[in-house]
Amino acid sequence: MQVRHADEGVEAGEGVDPLAQAIALVEKANADLEPELLRLPQARARLELYARARRVVDFGVAALARRVEDAAEVSRATGTSLGQ
């Protein structure tokens, strides 16, 4: 399966990976994030959204890590040490 990133062009018949699109949107949200300009209720709501996104992503990482099975490869991909 070839994965196309959200910032790459799309050729005829090929789509953009939805996960790549989601990552691009989160990266944009991070670039635009100015916590000091948010009121406390807005900051709380934004924190809840980021926490939800993390849980969703953590599920995918765990599911794929089980499939990959190679601890060293999983460690490299996730940026964690083998003991974690």
C-alpha atoms as a PDB file:
ATOM      1  CA  MET A   1       0.000   0.000   0.000  1.00  0.00           C
ATOM      2  CA  GLN A   2       1.433   3.323  -1.031  1.00  0.00           C
ATOM      3  CA  VAL A   3       0.676   6.156   1.361  1.00  0.00           C
ATOM      4  CA  ARG A   4       0.417   9.650  -0.056  1.00  0.00           C
ATOM      5  CA  HIS A   5       0.996  12.542   2.255  1.00  0.00           C
ATOM      6  CA  ALA A   6      -1.522  15.361   2.437  1.00  0.00           C
ATOM      7  CA  ASP A   7       0.979  17.855   1.021  1.00  0.00           C
ATOM      8  CA  GLU A   8       1.766  15.711  -2.061  1.00  0.00           C
ATOM      9  CA  GLY A   9      -0.080  16.050  -5.336  1.00  0.00           C
ATOM     10  CA  VAL A  10      -2.783  13.550  -6.170  1.00  0.00           C
ATOM     11  CA  GLU A  11      -2.536  11.717  -9.471  1.00  0.00           C
ATOM     12  CA  ALA A  12      -5.564  10.415 -11.362  1.00  0.00           C
ATOM     13  CA  GLY A  13      -7.209   7.559  -9.488  1.00  0.00           C
ATOM     14  CA  GLU A  14      -5.118   7.975  -6.342  1.00  0.00           C
ATOM     15  CA  GLY A  15      -6.410   9.456  -3.121  1.00  0.00           C
ATOM     16  CA  VAL A  16      -4.760  11.094  -0.167  1.00  0.00           C
ATOM     17  CA  ASP A  17      -4.475   9.012   2.989  1.00  0.00           C
ATOM     18  CA  PRO A  18      -7.002  10.310   5.569  1.00  0.00           C
ATOM     19  CA  LEU A  19      -4.474   9.866   8.380  1.00  0.00           C
ATOM     20  CA  ALA A  20      -1.961  12.016   6.505  1.00  0.00           C
ATOM     21  CA  GLN A  21      -4.667  14.659   6.081  1.00  0.00           C
ATOM     22  CA  ALA A  22      -5.479  14.533   9.796  1.00  0.00           C
ATOM     23  CA  ILE A  23      -1.812  14.920  10.702  1.00  0.00           C
ATOM     24  CA  ALA A  24      -1.497  17.918   8.384  1.00  0.00           C
ATOM     25  CA  LEU A  25      -4.509  19.522  10.059  1.00  0.00           C
ATOM     26  CA  VAL A  26      -3.106  18.920  13.556  1.00  0.00           C
ATOM     27  CA  GLU A  27       0.247  20.339  12.474  1.00  0.00           C
ATOM     28  CA  LYS A  28      -1.579  23.445  11.223  1.00  0.00           C
ATOM     29  CA  ALA A  29      -3.512  23.692  14.490  1.00  0.00           C
ATOM     30  CA  ASN A  30      -0.213  23.489  16.373  1.00  0.00           C
ATOM     31  CA  ALA A  31       1.362  26.171  14.202  1.00  0.00           C
ATOM     32  CA  ASP A  32      -1.607  28.461  14.858  1.00  0.00           C
ATOM     33  CA  LEU A  33      -1.828  27.632  18.581  1.00  0.00           C
ATOM     34  CA  GLU A  34      -1.405  30.628  20.861  1.00  0.00           C
ATOM     35  CA  PRO A  35      -2.544  29.409  24.305  1.00  0.00           C
ATOM     36  CA  GLU A  36      -1.908  32.760  25.948  1.00  0.00           C
ATOM     37  CA  LEU A  37      -4.578  34.327  23.719  1.00  0.00           C
ATOM     38  CA  LEU A  38      -7.271  31.807  24.704  1.00  0.00           C
ATOM     39  CA  ARG A  39      -9.736  32.378  27.490  1.00  0.00           C
ATOM     40  CA  LEU A  40      -9.739  29.649  30.119  1.00  0.00           C
ATOM     41  CA  PRO A  41     -12.907  27.914  28.797  1.00  0.00           C
ATOM     42  CA  GLN A  42     -11.424  27.894  25.278  1.00  0.00           C
ATOM     43  CA  ALA A  43      -8.132  26.508  26.573  1.00  0.00           C
ATOM     44  CA  ARG A  44      -9.964  23.756  28.476  1.00  0.00           C
ATOM     45  CA  ALA A  45     -11.987  22.818  25.388  1.00  0.00           C
ATOM     46  CA  ARG A  46      -8.877  22.769  23.204  1.00  0.00           C
ATOM     47  CA  LEU A  47      -7.055  20.610  25.779  1.00  0.00           C
ATOM     48  CA  GLU A  48      -9.937  18.125  25.706  1.00  0.00           C
ATOM     49  CA  LEU A  49      -9.725  17.936  21.903  1.00  0.00           C
ATOM     50  CA  TYR A  50      -5.958  17.363  21.974  1.00  0.00           C
ATOM     51  CA  ALA A  51      -6.385  14.661  24.633  1.00  0.00           C
ATOM     52  CA  ARG A  52      -9.065  12.959  22.511  1.00  0.00           C
ATOM     53  CA  ALA A  53      -6.800  13.087  19.461  1.00  0.00           C
ATOM     54  CA  ARG A  54      -4.004  11.535  21.485  1.00  0.00           C
ATOM     55  CA  ARG A  55      -6.226   8.645  22.617  1.00  0.00           C
ATOM     56  CA  VAL A  56      -7.330   7.991  19.035  1.00  0.00           C
ATOM     57  CA  VAL A  57      -3.732   8.022  17.789  1.00  0.00           C
ATOM     58  CA  ASP A  58      -2.508   5.882  20.718  1.00  0.00           C
ATOM     59  CA  PHE A  59      -5.028   3.201  19.719  1.00  0.00           C
ATOM     60  CA  GLY A  60      -3.671   3.109  16.160  1.00  0.00           C
ATOM     61  CA  VAL A  61      -0.064   3.007  17.358  1.00  0.00           C
ATOM     62  CA  ALA A  62      -0.817   0.113  19.710  1.00  0.00           C
ATOM     63  CA  ALA A  63      -2.719  -1.852  17.057  1.00  0.00           C
ATOM     64  CA  LEU A  64       0.034  -1.411  14.478  1.00  0.00           C
ATOM     65  CA  ALA A  65       2.792  -2.143  16.996  1.00  0.00           C
ATOM     66  CA  ARG A  66       1.163  -5.510  17.700  1.00  0.00           C
ATOM     67  CA  ARG A  67       1.119  -6.230  13.959  1.00  0.00           C
ATOM     68  CA  VAL A  68       4.739  -5.172  13.393  1.00  0.00           C
ATOM     69  CA  GLU A  69       5.932  -7.199  16.413  1.00  0.00           C
ATOM     70  CA  ASP A  70       9.591  -6.123  16.017  1.00  0.00           C
ATOM     71  CA  ALA A  71      10.375  -4.236  19.227  1.00  0.00           C
ATOM     72  CA  ALA A  72      13.342  -2.367  17.728  1.00  0.00           C
ATOM     73  CA  GLU A  73      11.282  -1.220  14.748  1.00  0.00           C
ATOM     74  CA  VAL A  74       8.401  -0.112  16.983  1.00  0.00           C
ATOM     75  CA  SER A  75      10.872   1.724  19.219  1.00  0.00           C
ATOM     76  CA  ARG A  76      12.348   3.589  16.249  1.00  0.00           C
ATOM     77  CA  ALA A  77       8.940   4.499  14.830  1.00  0.00           C
ATOM     78  CA  THR A  78       7.547   5.734  18.144  1.00  0.00           C
ATOM     79  CA  GLY A  79      10.697   7.375  19.489  1.00  0.00           C
ATOM     80  CA  THR A  80      10.646   5.340  22.688  1.00  0.00           C
ATOM     81  CA  SER A  81      13.256   3.118  24.261  1.00  0.00           C
ATOM     82  CA  LEU A  82      12.885  -0.659  24.123  1.00  0.00           C
ATOM     83  CA  GLY A  83      12.099  -0.769  27.837  1.00  0.00           C
ATOM     84  CA  GLN A  84       9.044   1.517  27.615  1.00  0.00           C
END
